[in-house]
């Protein structure tokens, strides 16, 4: 009987400790300031404005790399930065093909689809292989390439 009473007292002490921990956590949560939705939206707008101010930090970095390599800088610093939604890779599983296509479309200023069609990956892979194997004065076979370059 005494053991049972001691066991209950011990459980009671544990429950009191857990209750105290929960009350402390609750007090901490109440201290956190809740920002109303409109204030949060205003903060987001301010953050967006700050990002617009910072957007042209990339251009000087690129230009300095070109200058260090004794090349003319590609940008004058007055270019506007255009926001483009990133396309979805879609059903393709080969991100390398996807990135090559995305960069090619971007570099030639072609329309970038929101999603690449099914089968695009296989078609592009074949196109890239054909380009590699049929390129003039280049070959995946180094010996063949040397023969081509040595012929008059």
N, C-alpha and C. Protein backbone atom coordinates (compact mmCIF):
# COMPACT_ATOMS: atom_id res chain seq x y z
N UNK A 1 0.82 -1.19 0.00
CA UNK A 1 0.00 0.00 0.00
C UNK A 1 0.87 1.26 0.00
N UNK A 2 1.92 1.27 0.81
CA UNK A 2 2.83 2.41 0.89
C UNK A 2 3.52 2.62 -0.46
N UNK A 3 3.90 1.51 -1.09
CA UNK A 3 4.54 1.60 -2.41
C UNK A 3 3.61 2.23 -3.44
N UNK A 4 2.34 1.88 -3.36
CA UNK A 4 1.36 2.42 -4.30
C UNK A 4 1.23 3.93 -4.10
N UNK A 5 1.18 4.38 -2.84
CA UNK A 5 1.07 5.80 -2.53
C UNK A 5 2.31 6.54 -3.03
N UNK A 6 3.48 5.97 -2.82
CA UNK A 6 4.73 6.60 -3.29
C UNK A 6 4.77 6.67 -4.82
N UNK A 7 4.28 5.64 -5.45
CA UNK A 7 4.24 5.61 -6.92
C UNK A 7 3.32 6.70 -7.46
N UNK A 8 2.16 6.87 -6.82
CA UNK A 8 1.21 7.90 -7.24
C UNK A 8 1.80 9.29 -7.01
N UNK A 9 2.48 9.48 -5.87
CA UNK A 9 3.11 10.77 -5.59
C UNK A 9 4.19 11.08 -6.64
N UNK A 10 4.94 10.08 -7.01
CA UNK A 10 5.99 10.25 -8.02
C UNK A 10 5.37 10.64 -9.38
N UNK A 11 4.31 9.96 -9.78
CA UNK A 11 3.60 10.30 -11.03
C UNK A 11 3.05 11.72 -10.96
N UNK A 12 2.53 12.09 -9.77
CA UNK A 12 1.97 13.42 -9.59
C UNK A 12 3.06 14.48 -9.77
N UNK A 13 4.25 14.22 -9.23
CA UNK A 13 5.38 15.16 -9.39
C UNK A 13 5.77 15.29 -10.87
N UNK A 14 5.82 14.17 -11.56
CA UNK A 14 6.15 14.19 -13.00
C UNK A 14 5.12 14.99 -13.79
N UNK A 15 3.84 14.80 -13.46
CA UNK A 15 2.79 15.55 -14.14
C UNK A 15 2.90 17.05 -13.86
N UNK A 16 3.25 17.41 -12.62
CA UNK A 16 3.42 18.82 -12.28
C UNK A 16 4.57 19.43 -13.08
N UNK A 17 5.67 18.67 -13.23
CA UNK A 17 6.81 19.16 -14.02
C UNK A 17 6.43 19.35 -15.49
N UNK A 18 5.71 18.40 -16.04
CA UNK A 18 5.27 18.51 -17.44
C UNK A 18 4.33 19.69 -17.62
N UNK A 19 3.43 19.89 -16.65
CA UNK A 19 2.51 21.02 -16.71
C UNK A 19 3.29 22.33 -16.69
N UNK A 20 4.29 22.41 -15.83
CA UNK A 20 5.11 23.62 -15.75
C UNK A 20 5.84 23.88 -17.08
N UNK A 21 6.38 22.82 -17.69
CA UNK A 21 7.05 22.96 -18.99
C UNK A 21 6.09 23.48 -20.05
N UNK A 22 4.88 22.92 -20.08
CA UNK A 22 3.88 23.36 -21.06
C UNK A 22 3.48 24.81 -20.82
N UNK A 23 3.33 25.21 -19.56
CA UNK A 23 2.98 26.60 -19.25
C UNK A 23 4.10 27.54 -19.68
N UNK A 24 5.35 27.13 -19.49
CA UNK A 24 6.49 27.95 -19.93
C UNK A 24 6.50 28.11 -21.44
N UNK A 25 6.28 27.01 -22.16
CA UNK A 25 6.22 27.07 -23.63
C UNK A 25 5.10 27.98 -24.09
N UNK A 26 3.94 27.87 -23.43
CA UNK A 26 2.79 28.69 -23.78
C UNK A 26 3.10 30.17 -23.57
N UNK A 27 3.78 30.48 -22.46
CA UNK A 27 4.14 31.87 -22.17
C UNK A 27 5.09 32.41 -23.24
N UNK A 28 6.05 31.58 -23.68
CA UNK A 28 6.98 32.00 -24.74
C UNK A 28 6.23 32.28 -26.03
N UNK A 29 5.28 31.41 -26.35
CA UNK A 29 4.53 31.59 -27.59
C UNK A 29 3.68 32.86 -27.55
N UNK A 30 3.13 33.19 -26.39
CA UNK A 30 2.32 34.40 -26.27
C UNK A 30 3.17 35.65 -26.45
N UNK A 31 4.46 35.55 -26.08
CA UNK A 31 5.35 36.70 -26.20
C UNK A 31 5.72 36.99 -27.65
N UNK A 32 5.60 35.98 -28.52
CA UNK A 32 5.93 36.20 -29.92
C UNK A 32 4.93 37.17 -30.53
N UNK A 33 5.45 38.12 -31.27
CA UNK A 33 4.60 39.14 -31.88
C UNK A 33 3.99 38.57 -33.15
N UNK A 34 2.70 38.68 -33.23
CA UNK A 34 2.03 38.23 -34.44
C UNK A 34 1.83 39.44 -35.34
N UNK A 35 2.32 39.35 -36.58
CA UNK A 35 2.23 40.45 -37.52
C UNK A 35 0.94 40.29 -38.32
N UNK A 36 0.08 41.31 -38.33
CA UNK A 36 -1.14 41.22 -39.14
C UNK A 36 -0.79 41.04 -40.62
N UNK A 37 -1.73 40.48 -41.36
CA UNK A 37 -1.51 40.15 -42.76
C UNK A 37 -1.10 41.37 -43.59
N UNK A 38 -1.77 42.50 -43.40
CA UNK A 38 -1.44 43.69 -44.19
C UNK A 38 -0.03 44.18 -43.89
N UNK A 39 0.37 44.12 -42.62
CA UNK A 39 1.74 44.51 -42.28
C UNK A 39 2.75 43.58 -42.93
N UNK A 40 2.43 42.30 -42.93
CA UNK A 40 3.33 41.31 -43.54
C UNK A 40 3.44 41.56 -45.04
N UNK A 41 2.31 41.87 -45.68
CA UNK A 41 2.34 42.15 -47.13
C UNK A 41 3.18 43.39 -47.41
N UNK A 42 3.07 44.39 -46.55
CA UNK A 42 3.88 45.60 -46.73
C UNK A 42 5.37 45.26 -46.57
N UNK A 43 5.69 44.41 -45.60
CA UNK A 43 7.08 43.98 -45.42
C UNK A 43 7.58 43.25 -46.66
N UNK A 44 6.74 42.39 -47.24
CA UNK A 44 7.13 41.67 -48.45
C UNK A 44 7.38 42.63 -49.60
N UNK A 45 6.53 43.67 -49.72
CA UNK A 45 6.72 44.66 -50.77
C UNK A 45 8.04 45.40 -50.58
N UNK A 46 8.35 45.75 -49.33
CA UNK A 46 9.62 46.42 -49.05
C UNK A 46 10.81 45.52 -49.39
N UNK A 47 10.68 44.23 -49.06
CA UNK A 47 11.74 43.28 -49.41
C UNK A 47 11.90 43.20 -50.92
N UNK A 48 10.78 43.21 -51.64
CA UNK A 48 10.80 43.16 -53.10
C UNK A 48 11.48 44.40 -53.66
N UNK A 49 11.18 45.56 -53.09
CA UNK A 49 11.82 46.80 -53.54
C UNK A 49 13.33 46.74 -53.30
N UNK A 50 13.74 46.17 -52.17
CA UNK A 50 15.17 46.02 -51.88
C UNK A 50 15.83 45.10 -52.90
N UNK A 51 15.13 44.03 -53.28
CA UNK A 51 15.68 43.11 -54.27
C UNK A 51 15.86 43.81 -55.61
N UNK A 52 14.91 44.69 -55.97
CA UNK A 52 15.03 45.43 -57.24
C UNK A 52 16.28 46.31 -57.22
N UNK A 53 16.58 46.89 -56.06
CA UNK A 53 17.77 47.73 -55.96
C UNK A 53 19.04 46.90 -56.10
N UNK A 54 19.00 45.66 -55.61
CA UNK A 54 20.18 44.81 -55.62
C UNK A 54 20.36 44.03 -56.91
N UNK A 55 19.36 44.05 -57.78
CA UNK A 55 19.37 43.14 -58.93
C UNK A 55 20.54 43.34 -59.87
N UNK A 56 21.13 44.52 -59.91
CA UNK A 56 22.18 44.76 -60.89
C UNK A 56 23.58 44.55 -60.32
N UNK A 57 23.70 43.90 -59.17
CA UNK A 57 25.02 43.59 -58.64
C UNK A 57 25.70 42.50 -59.44
N UNK A 58 24.94 41.75 -60.19
CA UNK A 58 25.51 40.65 -60.98
C UNK A 58 26.33 41.20 -62.15
N UNK A 59 25.82 42.25 -62.80
CA UNK A 59 26.48 42.81 -63.98
C UNK A 59 27.92 43.24 -63.69
N UNK A 60 28.19 44.03 -62.64
CA UNK A 60 29.58 44.41 -62.38
C UNK A 60 30.49 43.22 -62.12
N UNK A 61 29.96 42.19 -61.48
CA UNK A 61 30.76 40.99 -61.21
C UNK A 61 31.16 40.32 -62.51
N UNK A 62 30.21 40.19 -63.42
CA UNK A 62 30.50 39.57 -64.73
C UNK A 62 31.49 40.44 -65.50
N UNK A 63 31.25 41.75 -65.51
CA UNK A 63 32.15 42.66 -66.22
C UNK A 63 33.57 42.60 -65.67
N UNK A 64 33.72 42.52 -64.35
CA UNK A 64 35.07 42.48 -63.78
C UNK A 64 35.80 41.21 -64.19
N UNK A 65 35.08 40.11 -64.31
CA UNK A 65 35.69 38.85 -64.77
C UNK A 65 36.21 39.02 -66.20
N UNK A 66 35.41 39.64 -67.06
CA UNK A 66 35.84 39.87 -68.45
C UNK A 66 37.05 40.80 -68.49
N UNK A 67 37.02 41.87 -67.70
CA UNK A 67 38.14 42.82 -67.67
C UNK A 67 39.41 42.13 -67.18
N UNK A 68 39.29 41.30 -66.14
CA UNK A 68 40.46 40.56 -65.64
C UNK A 68 41.04 39.63 -66.69
N UNK A 69 40.19 39.13 -67.58
CA UNK A 69 40.65 38.25 -68.66
C UNK A 69 41.01 39.02 -69.94
N UNK A 70 41.13 40.36 -69.81
CA UNK A 70 41.47 41.25 -70.93
C UNK A 70 40.48 41.12 -72.09
N UNK A 71 39.21 41.02 -71.76
CA UNK A 71 38.15 40.96 -72.76
C UNK A 71 37.22 42.15 -72.56
N UNK A 72 36.58 42.60 -73.62
CA UNK A 72 35.63 43.71 -73.45
C UNK A 72 34.42 43.24 -72.63
N UNK A 73 33.98 44.05 -71.68
CA UNK A 73 32.83 43.65 -70.86
C UNK A 73 31.56 43.56 -71.71
N UNK A 74 30.73 42.56 -71.48
CA UNK A 74 29.53 42.37 -72.30
C UNK A 74 28.38 43.29 -71.93
N UNK A 75 28.43 43.92 -70.74
CA UNK A 75 27.32 44.76 -70.29
C UNK A 75 27.82 46.15 -69.96
N UNK A 76 26.94 47.15 -70.14
CA UNK A 76 27.33 48.50 -69.75
C UNK A 76 26.78 48.87 -68.37
N UNK A 77 25.96 48.01 -67.79
CA UNK A 77 25.43 48.26 -66.45
C UNK A 77 24.07 48.90 -66.43
N UNK A 78 23.58 49.33 -67.59
CA UNK A 78 22.27 49.97 -67.66
C UNK A 78 21.17 49.03 -68.14
N UNK A 79 21.53 47.78 -68.33
CA UNK A 79 20.54 46.83 -68.83
C UNK A 79 19.46 46.60 -67.78
N UNK A 80 18.25 46.42 -68.26
CA UNK A 80 17.18 46.07 -67.34
C UNK A 80 17.14 44.56 -67.20
N UNK A 81 16.85 44.13 -66.02
CA UNK A 81 16.78 42.70 -65.76
C UNK A 81 15.34 42.26 -65.98
N UNK A 82 15.18 41.26 -66.83
CA UNK A 82 13.84 40.77 -67.14
C UNK A 82 13.56 39.52 -66.33
N UNK A 83 12.43 39.53 -65.66
CA UNK A 83 12.04 38.36 -64.87
C UNK A 83 11.34 37.38 -65.80
N UNK A 84 11.81 36.14 -65.78
CA UNK A 84 11.21 35.09 -66.59
C UNK A 84 10.86 33.93 -65.67
N UNK A 85 9.64 33.43 -65.81
CA UNK A 85 9.26 32.26 -65.02
C UNK A 85 10.10 31.08 -65.47
N UNK A 86 10.59 30.34 -64.53
CA UNK A 86 11.39 29.15 -64.86
C UNK A 86 10.46 28.06 -65.37
N UNK A 87 10.81 27.46 -66.50
CA UNK A 87 9.96 26.39 -67.02
C UNK A 87 10.05 25.14 -66.16
N UNK A 88 9.07 24.30 -66.33
CA UNK A 88 9.03 23.05 -65.59
C UNK A 88 9.71 21.97 -66.41
N UNK A 89 10.54 21.18 -65.78
CA UNK A 89 11.24 20.11 -66.49
C UNK A 89 10.27 19.09 -67.05
N UNK A 90 9.12 18.96 -66.44
CA UNK A 90 8.11 18.04 -66.94
C UNK A 90 8.50 16.59 -66.73
N UNK A 91 8.10 15.71 -67.67
CA UNK A 91 8.30 14.28 -67.46
C UNK A 91 9.72 13.81 -67.73
N UNK A 92 10.62 14.71 -68.13
CA UNK A 92 11.98 14.27 -68.44
C UNK A 92 12.73 13.92 -67.16
N UNK A 93 13.57 12.91 -67.24
CA UNK A 93 14.33 12.51 -66.06
C UNK A 93 15.80 12.92 -66.18
N UNK A 94 16.20 13.42 -67.34
CA UNK A 94 17.59 13.80 -67.58
C UNK A 94 17.71 15.32 -67.48
N UNK A 95 18.13 15.81 -66.32
CA UNK A 95 18.20 17.25 -66.14
C UNK A 95 19.28 17.88 -67.01
N UNK A 96 20.30 17.13 -67.41
CA UNK A 96 21.35 17.67 -68.28
C UNK A 96 20.79 18.09 -69.62
N UNK A 97 19.97 17.24 -70.21
CA UNK A 97 19.33 17.56 -71.50
C UNK A 97 18.42 18.77 -71.32
N UNK A 98 17.66 18.78 -70.24
CA UNK A 98 16.74 19.88 -69.96
C UNK A 98 17.51 21.20 -69.84
N UNK A 99 18.61 21.21 -69.10
CA UNK A 99 19.39 22.44 -68.91
C UNK A 99 20.02 22.90 -70.22
N UNK A 100 20.55 21.96 -71.01
CA UNK A 100 21.12 22.33 -72.31
C UNK A 100 20.07 23.00 -73.19
N UNK A 101 18.90 22.43 -73.24
CA UNK A 101 17.82 22.99 -74.06
C UNK A 101 17.40 24.36 -73.54
N UNK A 102 17.25 24.47 -72.23
CA UNK A 102 16.86 25.74 -71.62
C UNK A 102 17.87 26.83 -71.94
N UNK A 103 19.16 26.52 -71.80
CA UNK A 103 20.21 27.51 -72.08
C UNK A 103 20.26 27.86 -73.56
N UNK A 104 20.05 26.88 -74.42
CA UNK A 104 20.06 27.14 -75.86
C UNK A 104 18.91 28.07 -76.23
N UNK A 105 17.72 27.80 -75.73
CA UNK A 105 16.58 28.66 -76.01
C UNK A 105 16.81 30.06 -75.46
N UNK A 106 17.37 30.14 -74.28
CA UNK A 106 17.62 31.43 -73.64
C UNK A 106 18.67 32.23 -74.42
N UNK A 107 19.73 31.56 -74.85
CA UNK A 107 20.81 32.27 -75.55
C UNK A 107 20.38 32.78 -76.92
N UNK A 108 19.48 32.06 -77.58
CA UNK A 108 19.00 32.51 -78.89
C UNK A 108 17.71 33.30 -78.79
N UNK A 109 17.33 33.66 -77.56
CA UNK A 109 16.15 34.47 -77.28
C UNK A 109 14.89 33.89 -77.92
N UNK A 110 14.77 32.58 -77.85
CA UNK A 110 13.58 31.91 -78.35
C UNK A 110 12.58 31.75 -77.21
N UNK A 111 11.35 31.47 -77.56
CA UNK A 111 10.32 31.25 -76.54
C UNK A 111 10.64 30.00 -75.73
N UNK A 112 10.54 30.14 -74.45
CA UNK A 112 10.80 29.02 -73.55
C UNK A 112 9.45 28.48 -73.10
N UNK A 113 9.16 27.22 -73.40
CA UNK A 113 7.86 26.67 -73.00
C UNK A 113 7.78 26.50 -71.48
N UNK A 114 6.56 26.57 -70.97
CA UNK A 114 6.38 26.36 -69.53
C UNK A 114 6.68 24.92 -69.13
N UNK A 115 6.50 24.01 -70.08
CA UNK A 115 6.74 22.60 -69.80
C UNK A 115 7.21 21.93 -71.08
N UNK A 116 8.22 21.09 -70.98
CA UNK A 116 8.70 20.36 -72.16
C UNK A 116 7.84 19.12 -72.36
N UNK A 117 7.57 18.82 -73.63
CA UNK A 117 6.66 17.71 -73.96
C UNK A 117 7.29 16.36 -73.69
N UNK A 118 6.44 15.36 -73.58
CA UNK A 118 6.92 14.00 -73.35
C UNK A 118 7.66 13.53 -74.60
N UNK A 119 8.76 12.88 -74.44
CA UNK A 119 9.56 12.41 -75.56
C UNK A 119 10.63 13.41 -75.97
N UNK A 120 10.58 14.60 -75.41
CA UNK A 120 11.54 15.66 -75.74
C UNK A 120 12.97 15.21 -75.40
N UNK A 121 13.10 14.55 -74.26
CA UNK A 121 14.41 14.13 -73.76
C UNK A 121 15.10 13.19 -74.74
N UNK A 122 14.37 12.18 -75.21
CA UNK A 122 14.96 11.20 -76.13
C UNK A 122 15.35 11.86 -77.45
N UNK A 123 14.48 12.72 -77.96
CA UNK A 123 14.74 13.41 -79.23
C UNK A 123 16.00 14.28 -79.12
N UNK A 124 16.11 15.03 -78.05
CA UNK A 124 17.26 15.92 -77.86
C UNK A 124 18.55 15.13 -77.67
N UNK A 125 18.46 14.03 -76.96
CA UNK A 125 19.65 13.20 -76.73
C UNK A 125 20.21 12.73 -78.07
N UNK A 126 19.33 12.30 -78.97
CA UNK A 126 19.76 11.85 -80.30
C UNK A 126 20.37 13.02 -81.07
N UNK A 127 19.73 14.20 -81.02
CA UNK A 127 20.26 15.38 -81.72
C UNK A 127 21.68 15.71 -81.23
N UNK A 128 21.89 15.67 -79.92
CA UNK A 128 23.21 16.00 -79.38
C UNK A 128 24.25 14.96 -79.80
N UNK A 129 23.89 13.71 -79.82
CA UNK A 129 24.83 12.66 -80.24
C UNK A 129 25.21 12.86 -81.70
N UNK A 130 24.22 13.16 -82.55
CA UNK A 130 24.50 13.39 -83.97
C UNK A 130 25.43 14.58 -84.13
N UNK A 131 25.19 15.67 -83.39
CA UNK A 131 26.07 16.85 -83.47
C UNK A 131 27.50 16.49 -83.08
N UNK A 132 27.64 15.73 -82.03
CA UNK A 132 28.98 15.36 -81.56
C UNK A 132 29.70 14.48 -82.57
N UNK A 133 29.00 13.50 -83.12
CA UNK A 133 29.64 12.55 -84.01
C UNK A 133 29.88 13.09 -85.42
N UNK A 134 29.15 14.12 -85.83
CA UNK A 134 29.29 14.63 -87.20
C UNK A 134 29.94 16.01 -87.27
N UNK A 135 30.42 16.54 -86.17
CA UNK A 135 31.02 17.88 -86.18
C UNK A 135 32.28 17.88 -87.05
N UNK A 136 32.41 18.93 -87.89
CA UNK A 136 33.58 19.07 -88.76
C UNK A 136 34.83 19.28 -87.91
N UNK A 137 35.92 18.64 -88.31
CA UNK A 137 37.22 18.76 -87.65
C UNK A 137 37.21 18.37 -86.17
N UNK A 138 36.21 17.68 -85.75
CA UNK A 138 36.15 17.19 -84.38
C UNK A 138 35.60 15.78 -84.40
N UNK A 139 36.01 15.01 -83.47
CA UNK A 139 35.50 13.65 -83.41
C UNK A 139 35.67 13.11 -82.02
N UNK A 140 34.82 12.20 -81.67
CA UNK A 140 34.96 11.51 -80.40
C UNK A 140 36.14 10.54 -80.47
N UNK A 141 36.56 10.23 -81.70
CA UNK A 141 37.71 9.36 -81.93
C UNK A 141 38.93 10.26 -82.12
N UNK A 142 39.80 10.35 -81.13
CA UNK A 142 40.93 11.28 -81.17
C UNK A 142 41.89 10.98 -82.32
N UNK A 143 42.10 9.70 -82.63
CA UNK A 143 42.99 9.33 -83.73
C UNK A 143 42.41 9.83 -85.06
N UNK A 144 41.11 9.66 -85.25
CA UNK A 144 40.46 10.13 -86.47
C UNK A 144 40.56 11.65 -86.56
N UNK A 145 40.41 12.32 -85.44
CA UNK A 145 40.51 13.77 -85.42
C UNK A 145 41.91 14.21 -85.83
N UNK A 146 42.95 13.54 -85.34
CA UNK A 146 44.32 13.88 -85.71
C UNK A 146 44.53 13.68 -87.21
N UNK A 147 43.99 12.59 -87.76
CA UNK A 147 44.12 12.33 -89.20
C UNK A 147 43.46 13.45 -90.01
N UNK A 148 42.27 13.88 -89.59
CA UNK A 148 41.55 14.93 -90.31
C UNK A 148 42.33 16.24 -90.28
N UNK A 149 42.91 16.57 -89.12
CA UNK A 149 43.63 17.83 -88.99
C UNK A 149 44.96 17.82 -89.72
N UNK A 150 45.56 16.66 -89.90
CA UNK A 150 46.86 16.56 -90.56
C UNK A 150 46.75 16.55 -92.08
N UNK A 151 45.58 16.23 -92.63
CA UNK A 151 45.43 16.15 -94.08
C UNK A 151 45.41 17.55 -94.69
N UNK A 152 46.07 17.72 -95.85
CA UNK A 152 46.09 19.04 -96.50
C UNK A 152 44.77 19.37 -97.16
